[in-house]
């Protein structure tokens, strides 16, 4: 079965950290640009961070710059999102998506739907 599966979400206090994982099964992530997106209740989905096929190029939303870090391990078919200094405004469902055609990380983060694959999401709640 071709799918992306996210994990690592949960409840964390403000200032805490989480690391999200996105694992691909049934296909090779090497050929895909990957993005992390989030959607909070009543808000539109937004691109959080994206990474190129090689991992050399990355892109971050202004709201997470300096706090989040995206990385990928193609040998493990996995992409990570390290989230530090979390804020209540980071509360959302986080999704990863893979796109075969979009090679620009800026474009990948700007396009919030219609990718080749998207996971079911993992809930991140930041609250005291």
Protein backbone atom coordinates (compact mmCIF):
# COMPACT_ATOMS: atom_id res chain seq x y z
CA UNK A 1 0.00 0.00 0.00
CA UNK A 2 1.38 3.38 -1.02
CA UNK A 3 1.13 5.75 1.90
CA UNK A 4 2.72 8.30 4.20
CA UNK A 5 2.35 7.83 7.92
CA UNK A 6 3.07 10.58 10.43
CA UNK A 7 3.91 10.06 14.08
CA UNK A 8 5.33 11.93 17.03
CA UNK A 9 2.54 14.33 17.83
CA UNK A 10 1.13 14.85 21.28
CA UNK A 11 0.49 17.26 24.11
CA UNK A 12 3.39 19.46 25.15
CA UNK A 13 3.77 22.53 27.33
CA UNK A 14 4.79 25.87 25.83
CA UNK A 15 8.53 25.94 25.32
CA UNK A 16 8.68 22.18 24.87
CA UNK A 17 9.83 20.12 21.91
CA UNK A 18 8.50 17.39 19.67
CA UNK A 19 9.92 15.53 16.71
CA UNK A 20 7.52 14.46 14.02
CA UNK A 21 8.31 11.62 11.64
CA UNK A 22 6.88 10.91 8.22
CA UNK A 23 7.53 7.43 6.89
CA UNK A 24 6.77 6.34 3.35
CA UNK A 25 5.72 2.82 2.55
CA UNK A 26 5.35 1.29 -0.88
CA UNK A 27 7.38 3.92 -2.69
CA UNK A 28 10.79 5.56 -2.57
CA UNK A 29 10.90 9.05 -1.07
CA UNK A 30 14.18 9.83 -2.85
CA UNK A 31 12.32 11.15 -5.88
CA UNK A 32 9.95 13.43 -3.99
CA UNK A 33 10.01 16.91 -2.56
CA UNK A 34 8.50 16.69 0.91
CA UNK A 35 6.53 19.20 2.90
CA UNK A 36 5.08 19.50 6.35
CA UNK A 37 1.75 21.31 6.54
CA UNK A 38 -0.57 22.11 9.40
CA UNK A 39 -4.18 23.02 9.86
CA UNK A 40 -5.68 24.46 13.01
CA UNK A 41 -9.45 24.45 13.65
CA UNK A 42 -11.14 27.17 11.64
CA UNK A 43 -7.96 28.06 9.78
CA UNK A 44 -6.62 27.29 6.35
CA UNK A 45 -3.91 24.71 5.84
CA UNK A 46 -0.46 26.26 5.71
CA UNK A 47 2.95 25.12 4.61
CA UNK A 48 5.27 24.84 7.61
CA UNK A 49 8.48 23.52 6.13
CA UNK A 50 9.62 21.81 2.95
CA UNK A 51 12.74 19.97 1.85
CA UNK A 52 14.19 19.12 -1.52
CA UNK A 53 14.90 15.64 -2.80
CA UNK A 54 18.54 15.84 -1.84
CA UNK A 55 17.88 17.59 1.44
CA UNK A 56 20.08 20.52 0.47
CA UNK A 57 17.30 23.06 0.09
CA UNK A 58 14.78 23.84 2.79
CA UNK A 59 12.01 26.35 3.31
CA UNK A 60 10.26 27.53 6.48
CA UNK A 61 7.21 29.59 7.25
CA UNK A 62 8.16 32.84 8.96
CA UNK A 63 6.25 31.78 12.06
CA UNK A 64 8.54 28.77 12.66
CA UNK A 65 11.93 30.02 11.48
CA UNK A 66 14.59 29.45 14.10
CA UNK A 67 12.40 27.00 16.02
CA UNK A 68 11.68 24.16 13.58
CA UNK A 69 14.12 22.08 11.54
CA UNK A 70 13.28 19.72 8.71
CA UNK A 71 15.51 16.84 7.69
CA UNK A 72 15.32 13.65 5.74
CA UNK A 73 16.94 10.24 5.83
CA UNK A 74 16.40 8.71 2.43
CA UNK A 75 17.93 5.43 3.58
CA UNK A 76 15.11 5.16 6.10
CA UNK A 77 12.52 6.59 3.72
CA UNK A 78 11.69 9.10 6.44
CA UNK A 79 11.39 12.86 6.84
CA UNK A 80 11.52 14.56 10.22
CA UNK A 81 10.33 17.83 11.66
CA UNK A 82 12.08 18.86 14.85
CA UNK A 83 9.96 21.43 16.66
CA UNK A 84 11.50 23.40 19.51
CA UNK A 85 10.22 26.23 21.69
CA UNK A 86 6.67 25.32 20.84
CA UNK A 87 3.92 27.90 21.26
CA UNK A 88 0.17 27.54 21.70
CA UNK A 89 -0.20 28.97 18.18
CA UNK A 90 1.58 25.86 16.87
CA UNK A 91 -1.40 23.74 17.89
CA UNK A 92 -2.73 22.00 14.78
CA UNK A 93 -2.92 18.75 12.89
CA UNK A 94 0.38 18.29 11.08
CA UNK A 95 0.52 16.52 7.74
CA UNK A 96 3.38 15.48 5.52
CA UNK A 97 3.03 15.41 1.76
CA UNK A 98 5.17 14.21 -1.13
CA UNK A 99 5.29 15.68 -4.59
CA UNK A 100 7.01 14.22 -7.62
CA UNK A 101 6.78 17.28 -9.89
CA UNK A 102 7.36 20.25 -7.58
CA UNK A 103 11.11 20.64 -7.21
CA UNK A 104 11.12 24.10 -5.64
CA UNK A 105 10.77 24.00 -1.86
CA UNK A 106 9.12 27.42 -1.97
CA UNK A 107 6.51 26.15 -4.40
CA UNK A 108 6.03 22.98 -2.40
CA UNK A 109 5.19 24.95 0.73
CA UNK A 110 2.91 27.34 -1.17
CA UNK A 111 0.79 24.54 -2.64
CA UNK A 112 -1.25 23.14 0.24
CA UNK A 113 -3.12 20.38 -1.57
CA UNK A 114 -3.06 18.22 -4.64
CA UNK A 115 0.27 16.52 -3.93
CA UNK A 116 0.92 12.95 -4.99
CA UNK A 117 0.71 11.62 -1.43
CA UNK A 118 -0.44 13.02 1.90
CA UNK A 119 -0.58 11.36 5.28
CA UNK A 120 -3.49 11.26 7.69
CA UNK A 121 -1.91 13.71 10.07
CA UNK A 122 -0.77 13.81 13.68
CA UNK A 123 -2.19 16.14 16.32
CA UNK A 124 0.12 18.58 18.05
CA UNK A 125 -1.30 20.41 21.05
CA UNK A 126 0.70 23.03 22.90
CA UNK A 127 -0.91 23.94 26.19
CA UNK A 128 -0.11 24.43 29.82
